[in-house]
Amino acid sequence: SAYDMHAMAGRDYHFFINDAAGDARVVEWNPRDP
């Protein structure tokens, strides 16, 4: 969240992140927000 994101290769992406506590989240950049 501390960076601006540049998606590569002419595609868009999100990331599935999990940890040892089972805190699973998807990190995304809202397509409906300018």
Full PDB file with SEQRES, HELIX, SHEET, SSBOND, CRYST1, ORIGX, SCALE, CONECT and MASTER records, all heavy atoms in Angstrom:
SEQRES   1 A   34  SER ALA TYR ASP MET HIS ALA MET ALA GLY ARG ASP TYR          
SEQRES   2 A   34  HIS PHE PHE ILE ASN ASP ALA ALA GLY ASP ALA ARG VAL          
SEQRES   3 A   34  VAL GLU TRP ASN PRO ARG ASP PRO                              
SHEET    1 AA1 2 PHE A  15  ILE A  17  0                                        
SHEET    2 AA1 2 ARG A  25  VAL A  27 -1                                        
CRYST1    1.000    1.000    1.000  90.00  90.00  90.00 P 1           1          
ORIGX1      1.000000  0.000000  0.000000        0.00000                         
ORIGX2      0.000000  1.000000  0.000000        0.00000                         
ORIGX3      0.000000  0.000000  1.000000        0.00000                         
SCALE1      1.000000  0.000000  0.000000        0.00000                         
SCALE2      0.000000  1.000000  0.000000        0.00000                         
SCALE3      0.000000  0.000000  1.000000        0.00000                         
ATOM      1  N   SER A   1       0.810  -1.222   0.000  1.00  0.00           N  
ATOM      2  CA  SER A   1       0.000   0.000   0.000  1.00  0.00           C  
ATOM      3  C   SER A   1       0.841   1.269   0.000  1.00  0.00           C  
ATOM      4  O   SER A   1       0.323   2.360  -0.232  1.00  0.00           O  
ATOM      5  CB  SER A   1      -0.946   0.011   1.207  1.00  0.00           C  
ATOM      6  OG  SER A   1      -0.221   0.084   2.423  1.00  0.00           O  
ATOM      7  N   ALA A   2       2.128   1.129   0.236  1.00  0.00           N  
ATOM      8  CA  ALA A   2       3.016   2.295   0.284  1.00  0.00           C  
ATOM      9  C   ALA A   2       3.538   2.682  -1.100  1.00  0.00           C  
ATOM     10  O   ALA A   2       4.277   3.666  -1.225  1.00  0.00           O  
ATOM     11  CB  ALA A   2       4.191   2.019   1.218  1.00  0.00           C  
ATOM     12  N   TYR A   3       3.156   1.929  -2.141  1.00  0.00           N  
ATOM     13  CA  TYR A   3       3.664   2.166  -3.493  1.00  0.00           C  
ATOM     14  C   TYR A   3       2.525   2.391  -4.471  1.00  0.00           C  
ATOM     15  O   TYR A   3       1.401   1.936  -4.263  1.00  0.00           O  
ATOM     16  CB  TYR A   3       4.473   0.958  -3.970  1.00  0.00           C  
ATOM     17  CG  TYR A   3       5.741   0.700  -3.208  1.00  0.00           C  
ATOM     18  CD1 TYR A   3       5.739  -0.088  -2.059  1.00  0.00           C  
ATOM     19  CD2 TYR A   3       6.956   1.238  -3.635  1.00  0.00           C  
ATOM     20  CE1 TYR A   3       6.920  -0.332  -1.357  1.00  0.00           C  
ATOM     21  CE2 TYR A   3       8.132   0.995  -2.942  1.00  0.00           C  
ATOM     22  CZ  TYR A   3       8.102   0.218  -1.810  1.00  0.00           C  
ATOM     23  OH  TYR A   3       9.267  -0.026  -1.111  1.00  0.00           O  
ATOM     24  N   ASP A   4       2.831   3.079  -5.561  1.00  0.00           N  
ATOM     25  CA  ASP A   4       1.957   3.059  -6.725  1.00  0.00           C  
ATOM     26  C   ASP A   4       2.225   1.766  -7.486  1.00  0.00           C  
ATOM     27  O   ASP A   4       3.361   1.275  -7.520  1.00  0.00           O  
ATOM     28  CB  ASP A   4       2.245   4.255  -7.642  1.00  0.00           C  
ATOM     29  CG  ASP A   4       1.612   5.543  -7.147  1.00  0.00           C  
ATOM     30  OD1 ASP A   4       0.762   5.483  -6.235  1.00  0.00           O  
ATOM     31  OD2 ASP A   4       1.974   6.618  -7.662  1.00  0.00           O  
ATOM     32  N   MET A   5       1.182   1.231  -8.106  1.00  0.00           N  
ATOM     33  CA  MET A   5       1.310  -0.037  -8.828  1.00  0.00           C  
ATOM     34  C   MET A   5       1.265   0.172 -10.334  1.00  0.00           C  
ATOM     35  O   MET A   5       0.370   0.855 -10.852  1.00  0.00           O  
ATOM     36  CB  MET A   5       0.182  -0.996  -8.410  1.00  0.00           C  
ATOM     37  CG  MET A   5       0.099  -2.271  -9.233  1.00  0.00           C  
ATOM     38  SD  MET A   5       1.640  -3.241  -9.289  1.00  0.00           S  
ATOM     39  CE  MET A   5       1.744  -3.795  -7.584  1.00  0.00           C  
ATOM     40  N   HIS A   6       2.240  -0.439 -11.026  1.00  0.00           N  
ATOM     41  CA  HIS A   6       2.252  -0.484 -12.483  1.00  0.00           C  
ATOM     42  C   HIS A   6       2.108  -1.949 -12.900  1.00  0.00           C  
ATOM     43  O   HIS A   6       2.991  -2.768 -12.639  1.00  0.00           O  
ATOM     44  CB  HIS A   6       3.558   0.084 -13.030  1.00  0.00           C  
ATOM     45  CG  HIS A   6       3.768  -0.193 -14.486  1.00  0.00           C  
ATOM     46  ND1 HIS A   6       3.030   0.427 -15.481  1.00  0.00           N  
ATOM     47  CD2 HIS A   6       4.618  -1.045 -15.130  1.00  0.00           C  
ATOM     48  CE1 HIS A   6       3.422  -0.025 -16.652  1.00  0.00           C  
ATOM     49  NE2 HIS A   6       4.379  -0.918 -16.478  1.00  0.00           N  
ATOM     50  N   ALA A   7       0.992  -2.285 -13.539  1.00  0.00           N  
ATOM     51  CA  ALA A   7       0.763  -3.656 -13.999  1.00  0.00           C  
ATOM     52  C   ALA A   7       1.537  -3.901 -15.284  1.00  0.00           C  
ATOM     53  O   ALA A   7       1.531  -3.067 -16.197  1.00  0.00           O  
ATOM     54  CB  ALA A   7      -0.722  -3.904 -14.211  1.00  0.00           C  
ATOM     55  N   MET A   8       2.189  -5.054 -15.367  1.00  0.00           N  
ATOM     56  CA  MET A   8       3.057  -5.377 -16.498  1.00  0.00           C  
ATOM     57  C   MET A   8       2.326  -6.106 -17.607  1.00  0.00           C  
ATOM     58  O   MET A   8       1.256  -6.681 -17.405  1.00  0.00           O  
ATOM     59  CB  MET A   8       4.224  -6.240 -16.013  1.00  0.00           C  
ATOM     60  CG  MET A   8       5.083  -5.599 -14.956  1.00  0.00           C  
ATOM     61  SD  MET A   8       6.452  -6.661 -14.453  1.00  0.00           S  
ATOM     62  CE  MET A   8       7.492  -6.563 -15.912  1.00  0.00           C  
ATOM     63  N   ALA A   9       2.926  -6.067 -18.794  1.00  0.00           N  
ATOM     64  CA  ALA A   9       2.550  -6.923 -19.930  1.00  0.00           C  
ATOM     65  C   ALA A   9       1.163  -6.645 -20.479  1.00  0.00           C  
ATOM     66  O   ALA A   9       0.558  -7.520 -21.100  1.00  0.00           O  
ATOM     67  CB  ALA A   9       2.665  -8.396 -19.550  1.00  0.00           C  
ATOM     68  N   GLY A  10       0.628  -5.455 -20.238  1.00  0.00           N  
ATOM     69  CA  GLY A  10      -0.666  -5.116 -20.798  1.00  0.00           C  
ATOM     70  C   GLY A  10      -1.832  -5.839 -20.181  1.00  0.00           C  
ATOM     71  O   GLY A  10      -2.923  -5.915 -20.764  1.00  0.00           O  
ATOM     72  N   ARG A  11      -1.627  -6.401 -18.973  1.00  0.00           N  
ATOM     73  CA  ARG A  11      -2.694  -7.088 -18.241  1.00  0.00           C  
ATOM     74  C   ARG A  11      -2.861  -6.441 -16.878  1.00  0.00           C  
ATOM     75  O   ARG A  11      -2.020  -5.656 -16.433  1.00  0.00           O  
ATOM     76  CB  ARG A  11      -2.343  -8.572 -18.048  1.00  0.00           C  
ATOM     77  CG  ARG A  11      -2.140  -9.375 -19.299  1.00  0.00           C  
ATOM     78  CD  ARG A  11      -3.417  -9.744 -19.987  1.00  0.00           C  
ATOM     79  NE  ARG A  11      -4.343 -10.487 -19.123  1.00  0.00           N  
ATOM     80  CZ  ARG A  11      -5.505 -10.997 -19.553  1.00  0.00           C  
ATOM     81  NH1 ARG A  11      -5.854 -10.845 -20.810  1.00  0.00           N  
ATOM     82  NH2 ARG A  11      -6.303 -11.644 -18.726  1.00  0.00           N  
ATOM     83  N   ASP A  12      -3.962  -6.769 -16.213  1.00  0.00           N  
ATOM     84  CA  ASP A  12      -4.171  -6.319 -14.843  1.00  0.00           C  
ATOM     85  C   ASP A  12      -4.110  -7.539 -13.930  1.00  0.00           C  
ATOM     86  O   ASP A  12      -4.339  -8.671 -14.369  1.00  0.00           O  
ATOM     87  CB  ASP A  12      -5.526  -5.622 -14.708  1.00  0.00           C  
ATOM     88  CG  ASP A  12      -5.518  -4.551 -13.630  1.00  0.00           C  
ATOM     89  OD1 ASP A  12      -4.415  -4.173 -13.178  1.00  0.00           O  
ATOM     90  OD2 ASP A  12      -6.604  -4.071 -13.250  1.00  0.00           O  
ATOM     91  N   TYR A  13      -3.823  -7.318 -12.634  1.00  0.00           N  
ATOM     92  CA  TYR A  13      -3.572  -8.433 -11.717  1.00  0.00           C  
ATOM     93  C   TYR A  13      -4.041  -8.101 -10.311  1.00  0.00           C  
ATOM     94  O   TYR A  13      -4.198  -6.944  -9.930  1.00  0.00           O  
ATOM     95  CB  TYR A  13      -2.061  -8.752 -11.647  1.00  0.00           C  
ATOM     96  CG  TYR A  13      -1.393  -8.884 -12.980  1.00  0.00           C  
ATOM     97  CD1 TYR A  13      -0.697  -7.816 -13.537  1.00  0.00           C  
ATOM     98  CD2 TYR A  13      -1.463 -10.070 -13.705  1.00  0.00           C  
ATOM     99  CE1 TYR A  13      -0.093  -7.926 -14.777  1.00  0.00           C  
ATOM    100  CE2 TYR A  13      -0.858 -10.190 -14.935  1.00  0.00           C  
ATOM    101  CZ  TYR A  13      -0.181  -9.118 -15.475  1.00  0.00           C  
ATOM    102  OH  TYR A  13       0.418  -9.225 -16.703  1.00  0.00           O  
ATOM    103  N   HIS A  14      -4.241  -9.164  -9.539  1.00  0.00           N  
ATOM    104  CA  HIS A  14      -4.344  -9.031  -8.089  1.00  0.00           C  
ATOM    105  C   HIS A  14      -3.534 -10.147  -7.444  1.00  0.00           C  
ATOM    106  O   HIS A  14      -3.043 -11.047  -8.125  1.00  0.00           O  
ATOM    107  CB  HIS A  14      -5.794  -8.984  -7.601  1.00  0.00           C  
ATOM    108  CG  HIS A  14      -6.633 -10.189  -7.923  1.00  0.00           C  
ATOM    109  ND1 HIS A  14      -7.957 -10.284  -7.551  1.00  0.00           N  
ATOM    110  CD2 HIS A  14      -6.373 -11.355  -8.575  1.00  0.00           C  
ATOM    111  CE1 HIS A  14      -8.452 -11.438  -7.955  1.00  0.00           C  
ATOM    112  NE2 HIS A  14      -7.516 -12.101  -8.571  1.00  0.00           N  
ATOM    113  N   PHE A  15      -3.388 -10.054  -6.109  1.00  0.00           N  
ATOM    114  CA  PHE A  15      -2.507 -10.969  -5.384  1.00  0.00           C  
ATOM    115  C   PHE A  15      -3.258 -11.609  -4.218  1.00  0.00           C  
ATOM    116  O   PHE A  15      -3.927 -10.913  -3.447  1.00  0.00           O  
ATOM    117  CB  PHE A  15      -1.278 -10.236  -4.830  1.00  0.00           C  
ATOM    118  CG  PHE A  15      -0.443  -9.571  -5.878  1.00  0.00           C  
ATOM    119  CD1 PHE A  15      -0.690  -8.255  -6.244  1.00  0.00           C  
ATOM    120  CD2 PHE A  15       0.577 -10.257  -6.519  1.00  0.00           C  
ATOM    121  CE1 PHE A  15       0.068  -7.635  -7.222  1.00  0.00           C  
ATOM    122  CE2 PHE A  15       1.348  -9.645  -7.500  1.00  0.00           C  
ATOM    123  CZ  PHE A  15       1.087  -8.322  -7.849  1.00  0.00           C  
ATOM    124  N   PHE A  16      -3.127 -12.924  -4.099  1.00  0.00           N  
ATOM    125  CA  PHE A  16      -3.676 -13.638  -2.950  1.00  0.00           C  
ATOM    126  C   PHE A  16      -2.541 -13.832  -1.952  1.00  0.00           C  
ATOM    127  O   PHE A  16      -1.520 -14.450  -2.272  1.00  0.00           O  
ATOM    128  CB  PHE A  16      -4.230 -14.996  -3.384  1.00  0.00           C  
ATOM    129  CG  PHE A  16      -4.871 -15.785  -2.274  1.00  0.00           C  
ATOM    130  CD1 PHE A  16      -6.184 -15.541  -1.906  1.00  0.00           C  
ATOM    131  CD2 PHE A  16      -4.166 -16.771  -1.592  1.00  0.00           C  
ATOM    132  CE1 PHE A  16      -6.784 -16.268  -0.886  1.00  0.00           C  
ATOM    133  CE2 PHE A  16      -4.750 -17.498  -0.573  1.00  0.00           C  
ATOM    134  CZ  PHE A  16      -6.068 -17.240  -0.215  1.00  0.00           C  
ATOM    135  N   ILE A  17      -2.713 -13.296  -0.745  1.00  0.00           N  
ATOM    136  CA  ILE A  17      -1.676 -13.335   0.290  1.00  0.00           C  
ATOM    137  C   ILE A  17      -2.231 -14.023   1.522  1.00  0.00           C  
ATOM    138  O   ILE A  17      -3.364 -13.765   1.944  1.00  0.00           O  
ATOM    139  CB  ILE A  17      -1.198 -11.907   0.638  1.00  0.00           C  
ATOM    140  CG1 ILE A  17      -0.668 -11.205  -0.617  1.00  0.00           C  
ATOM    141  CG2 ILE A  17      -0.121 -11.937   1.716  1.00  0.00           C  
ATOM    142  CD1 ILE A  17      -0.338  -9.734  -0.415  1.00  0.00           C  
ATOM    143  N   ASN A  18      -1.434 -14.894   2.119  1.00  0.00           N  
ATOM    144  CA  ASN A  18      -1.842 -15.646   3.306  1.00  0.00           C  
ATOM    145  C   ASN A  18      -0.638 -15.738   4.238  1.00  0.00           C  
ATOM    146  O   ASN A  18       0.503 -15.500   3.828  1.00  0.00           O  
ATOM    147  CB  ASN A  18      -2.319 -17.042   2.895  1.00  0.00           C  
ATOM    148  CG  ASN A  18      -2.994 -17.801   4.010  1.00  0.00           C  
ATOM    149  OD1 ASN A  18      -3.491 -17.215   4.971  1.00  0.00           O  
ATOM    150  ND2 ASN A  18      -3.000 -19.117   3.912  1.00  0.00           N  
ATOM    151  N   ASP A  19      -0.874 -16.063   5.508  1.00  0.00           N  
ATOM    152  CA  ASP A  19       0.248 -16.215   6.437  1.00  0.00           C  
ATOM    153  C   ASP A  19      -0.001 -17.364   7.401  1.00  0.00           C  
ATOM    154  O   ASP A  19      -1.000 -18.089   7.284  1.00  0.00           O  
ATOM    155  CB  ASP A  19       0.537 -14.902   7.182  1.00  0.00           C  
ATOM    156  CG  ASP A  19      -0.595 -14.445   8.102  1.00  0.00           C  
ATOM    157  OD1 ASP A  19      -1.529 -15.240   8.381  1.00  0.00           O  
ATOM    158  OD2 ASP A  19      -0.550 -13.280   8.548  1.00  0.00           O  
ATOM    159  N   ALA A  20       0.894 -17.546   8.362  1.00  0.00           N  
ATOM    160  CA  ALA A  20       0.816 -18.686   9.272  1.00  0.00           C  
ATOM    161  C   ALA A  20      -0.402 -18.631  10.181  1.00  0.00           C  
ATOM    162  O   ALA A  20      -0.802 -19.647  10.751  1.00  0.00           O  
ATOM    163  CB  ALA A  20       2.092 -18.762  10.109  1.00  0.00           C  
ATOM    164  N   ALA A  21      -0.995 -17.443  10.326  1.00  0.00           N  
ATOM    165  CA  ALA A  21      -2.207 -17.310  11.135  1.00  0.00           C  
ATOM    166  C   ALA A  21      -3.465 -17.522  10.313  1.00  0.00           C  
ATOM    167  O   ALA A  21      -4.579 -17.480  10.855  1.00  0.00           O  
ATOM    168  CB  ALA A  21      -2.243 -15.932  11.794  1.00  0.00           C  
ATOM    169  N   GLY A  22      -3.315 -17.737   9.012  1.00  0.00           N  
ATOM    170  CA  GLY A  22      -4.479 -17.918   8.154  1.00  0.00           C  
ATOM    171  C   GLY A  22      -5.165 -16.627   7.777  1.00  0.00           C  
ATOM    172  O   GLY A  22      -6.343 -16.629   7.394  1.00  0.00           O  
ATOM    173  N   ASP A  23      -4.440 -15.509   7.869  1.00  0.00           N  
ATOM    174  CA  ASP A  23      -4.984 -14.202   7.491  1.00  0.00           C  
ATOM    175  C   ASP A  23      -4.872 -14.069   5.970  1.00  0.00           C  
ATOM    176  O   ASP A  23      -3.873 -13.582   5.447  1.00  0.00           O  
ATOM    177  CB  ASP A  23      -4.198 -13.091   8.194  1.00  0.00           C  
ATOM    178  CG  ASP A  23      -4.709 -11.695   7.858  1.00  0.00           C  
ATOM    179  OD1 ASP A  23      -5.725 -11.581   7.147  1.00  0.00           O  
ATOM    180  OD2 ASP A  23      -4.082 -10.712   8.328  1.00  0.00           O  
ATOM    181  N   ALA A  24      -5.899 -14.519   5.272  1.00  0.00           N  
ATOM    182  CA  ALA A  24      -5.886 -14.544   3.807  1.00  0.00           C  
ATOM    183  C   ALA A  24      -6.614 -13.331   3.256  1.00  0.00           C  
ATOM    184  O   ALA A  24      -7.769 -13.068   3.612  1.00  0.00           O  
ATOM    185  CB  ALA A  24      -6.534 -15.828   3.299  1.00  0.00           C  
ATOM    186  N   ARG A  25      -5.931 -12.593   2.384  1.00  0.00           N  
ATOM    187  CA  ARG A  25      -6.543 -11.411   1.764  1.00  0.00           C  
ATOM    188  C   ARG A  25      -6.140 -11.329   0.297  1.00  0.00           C  
ATOM    189  O   ARG A  25      -5.084 -11.817  -0.101  1.00  0.00           O  
ATOM    190  CB  ARG A  25      -6.103 -10.128   2.471  1.00  0.00           C  
ATOM    191  CG  ARG A  25      -6.470 -10.095   3.948  1.00  0.00           C  
ATOM    192  CD  ARG A  25      -6.173  -8.744   4.548  1.00  0.00           C  
ATOM    193  NE  ARG A  25      -5.485  -8.860   5.826  1.00  0.00           N  
ATOM    194  CZ  ARG A  25      -5.056  -7.819   6.528  1.00  0.00           C  
ATOM    195  NH1 ARG A  25      -5.246  -6.593   6.081  1.00  0.00           N  
ATOM    196  NH2 ARG A  25      -4.425  -8.019   7.680  1.00  0.00           N  
ATOM    197  N   VAL A  26      -6.994 -10.688  -0.462  1.00  0.00           N  
ATOM    198  CA  VAL A  26      -6.671 -10.380  -1.851  1.00  0.00           C  
ATOM    199  C   VAL A  26      -6.374  -8.889  -1.945  1.00  0.00           C  
ATOM    200  O   VAL A  26      -7.183  -8.059  -1.534  1.00  0.00           O  
ATOM    201  CB  VAL A  26      -7.823 -10.760  -2.798  1.00  0.00           C  
ATOM    202  CG1 VAL A  26      -7.543 -10.247  -4.209  1.00  0.00           C  
ATOM    203  CG2 VAL A  26      -7.994 -12.264  -2.834  1.00  0.00           C  
ATOM    204  N   VAL A  27      -5.206  -8.561  -2.467  1.00  0.00           N  
ATOM    205  CA  VAL A  27      -4.788  -7.180  -2.657  1.00  0.00           C  
ATOM    206  C   VAL A  27      -5.107  -6.785  -4.091  1.00  0.00           C  
ATOM    207  O   VAL A  27      -4.695  -7.459  -5.044  1.00  0.00           O  
ATOM    208  CB  VAL A  27      -3.283  -7.015  -2.367  1.00  0.00           C  
ATOM    209  CG1 VAL A  27      -2.772  -5.672  -2.847  1.00  0.00           C  
ATOM    210  CG2 VAL A  27      -3.023  -7.185  -0.878  1.00  0.00           C  
ATOM    211  N   GLU A  28      -5.862  -5.681  -4.242  1.00  0.00           N  
ATOM    212  CA  GLU A  28      -6.333  -5.230  -5.551  1.00  0.00           C  
ATOM    213  C   GLU A  28      -6.256  -3.715  -5.650  1.00  0.00           C  
ATOM    214  O   GLU A  28      -6.073  -3.028  -4.642  1.00  0.00           O  
ATOM    215  CB  GLU A  28      -7.791  -5.681  -5.759  1.00  0.00           C  
ATOM    216  CG  GLU A  28      -7.988  -7.176  -5.669  1.00  0.00           C  
ATOM    217  CD  GLU A  28      -9.442  -7.603  -5.591  1.00  0.00           C  
ATOM    218  OE1 GLU A  28     -10.257  -6.881  -4.951  1.00  0.00           O  
ATOM    219  OE2 GLU A  28      -9.767  -8.660  -6.159  1.00  0.00           O  
ATOM    220  N   TRP A  29      -6.446  -3.228  -6.884  1.00  0.00           N  
ATOM    221  CA  TRP A  29      -6.492  -1.795  -7.141  1.00  0.00           C  
ATOM    222  C   TRP A  29      -7.819  -1.520  -7.832  1.00  0.00           C  
ATOM    223  O   TRP A  29      -8.047  -1.945  -8.957  1.00  0.00           O  
ATOM    224  CB  TRP A  29      -5.279  -1.370  -7.971  1.00  0.00           C  
ATOM    225  CG  TRP A  29      -4.018  -1.426  -7.153  1.00  0.00           C  
ATOM    226  CD1 TRP A  29      -3.408  -0.382  -6.527  1.00  0.00           C  
ATOM    227  CD2 TRP A  29      -3.245  -2.597  -6.810  1.00  0.00           C  
ATOM    228  NE1 TRP A  29      -2.306  -0.819  -5.824  1.00  0.00           N  
ATOM    229  CE2 TRP A  29      -2.171  -2.168  -5.977  1.00  0.00           C  
ATOM    230  CE3 TRP A  29      -3.334  -3.959  -7.119  1.00  0.00           C  
ATOM    231  CZ2 TRP A  29      -1.227  -3.046  -5.471  1.00  0.00           C  
ATOM    232  CZ3 TRP A  29      -2.404  -4.838  -6.610  1.00  0.00           C  
ATOM    233  CH2 TRP A  29      -1.357  -4.385  -5.793  1.00  0.00           C  
ATOM    234  N   ASN A  30      -8.708  -0.819  -7.146  1.00  0.00           N  
ATOM    235  CA  ASN A  30     -10.116  -0.674  -7.503  1.00  0.00           C  
ATOM    236  C   ASN A  30     -10.297  -0.171  -8.933  1.00  0.00           C  
ATOM    237  O   ASN A  30      -9.932   0.956  -9.260  1.00  0.00           O  
ATOM    238  CB  ASN A  30     -10.762   0.311  -6.521  1.00  0.00           C  
ATOM    239  CG  ASN A  30     -12.263   0.381  -6.682  1.00  0.00           C  
ATOM    240  OD1 ASN A  30     -12.843  -0.142  -7.627  1.00  0.00           O  
ATOM    241  ND2 ASN A  30     -12.911   1.057  -5.738  1.00  0.00           N  
ATOM    242  N   PRO A  31     -10.891  -0.983  -9.813  1.00  0.00           N  
ATOM    243  CA  PRO A  31     -11.039  -0.571 -11.215  1.00  0.00           C  
ATOM    244  C   PRO A  31     -12.076   0.527 -11.410  1.00  0.00           C  
ATOM    245  O   PRO A  31     -12.107   1.158 -12.467  1.00  0.00           O  
ATOM    246  CB  PRO A  31     -11.458  -1.866 -11.914  1.00  0.00           C  
ATOM    247  CG  PRO A  31     -12.218  -2.613 -10.868  1.00  0.00           C  
ATOM    248  CD  PRO A  31     -11.498  -2.316  -9.576  1.00  0.00           C  
ATOM    249  N   ARG A  32     -12.923   0.746 -10.418  1.00  0.00           N  
ATOM    250  CA  ARG A  32     -13.959   1.771 -10.539  1.00  0.00           C  
ATOM    251  C   ARG A  32     -13.540   3.113  -9.954  1.00  0.00           C  
ATOM    252  O   ARG A  32     -14.317   4.059  -9.975  1.00  0.00           O  
ATOM    253  CB  ARG A  32     -15.242   1.269  -9.850  1.00  0.00           C  
ATOM    254  CG  ARG A  32     -15.881   0.093 -10.585  1.00  0.00           C  
ATOM    255  CD  ARG A  32     -17.096  -0.427  -9.853  1.00  0.00           C  
ATOM    256  NE  ARG A  32     -17.805  -1.428 -10.642  1.00  0.00           N  
ATOM    257  CZ  ARG A  32     -18.828  -2.167 -10.193  1.00  0.00           C  
ATOM    258  NH1 ARG A  32     -19.233  -2.006  -8.932  1.00  0.00           N  
ATOM    259  NH2 ARG A  32     -19.425  -3.041 -10.969  1.00  0.00           N  
ATOM    260  N   ASP A  33     -12.337   3.160  -9.439  1.00  0.00           N  
ATOM    261  CA  ASP A  33     -11.801   4.396  -8.874  1.00  0.00           C  
ATOM    262  C   ASP A  33     -10.811   4.995  -9.866  1.00  0.00           C  
ATOM    263  O   ASP A  33      -9.890   4.296 -10.304  1.00  0.00           O  
ATOM    264  CB  ASP A  33     -11.111   4.083  -7.549  1.00  0.00           C  
ATOM    265  CG  ASP A  33     -10.645   5.321  -6.818  1.00  0.00           C  
ATOM    266  OD1 ASP A  33     -10.036   6.198  -7.455  1.00  0.00           O  
ATOM    267  OD2 ASP A  33     -10.866   5.412  -5.596  1.00  0.00           O  
ATOM    268  N   PRO A  34     -10.945   6.271 -10.229  1.00  0.00           N  
ATOM    269  CA  PRO A  34     -10.002   6.869 -11.190  1.00  0.00           C  
ATOM    270  C   PRO A  34      -8.552   6.782 -10.730  1.00  0.00           C  
ATOM    271  O   PRO A  34      -7.641   6.712 -11.567  1.00  0.00           O  
ATOM    272  CB  PRO A  34     -10.478   8.328 -11.273  1.00  0.00           C  
ATOM    273  CG  PRO A  34     -11.910   8.293 -10.867  1.00  0.00           C  
ATOM    274  CD  PRO A  34     -12.007   7.204  -9.841  1.00  0.00           C  
TER     275      PRO A  34                                                      
MASTER        0    0    0    0    2    0    0    6  274    1    0    3          
END                                                                             
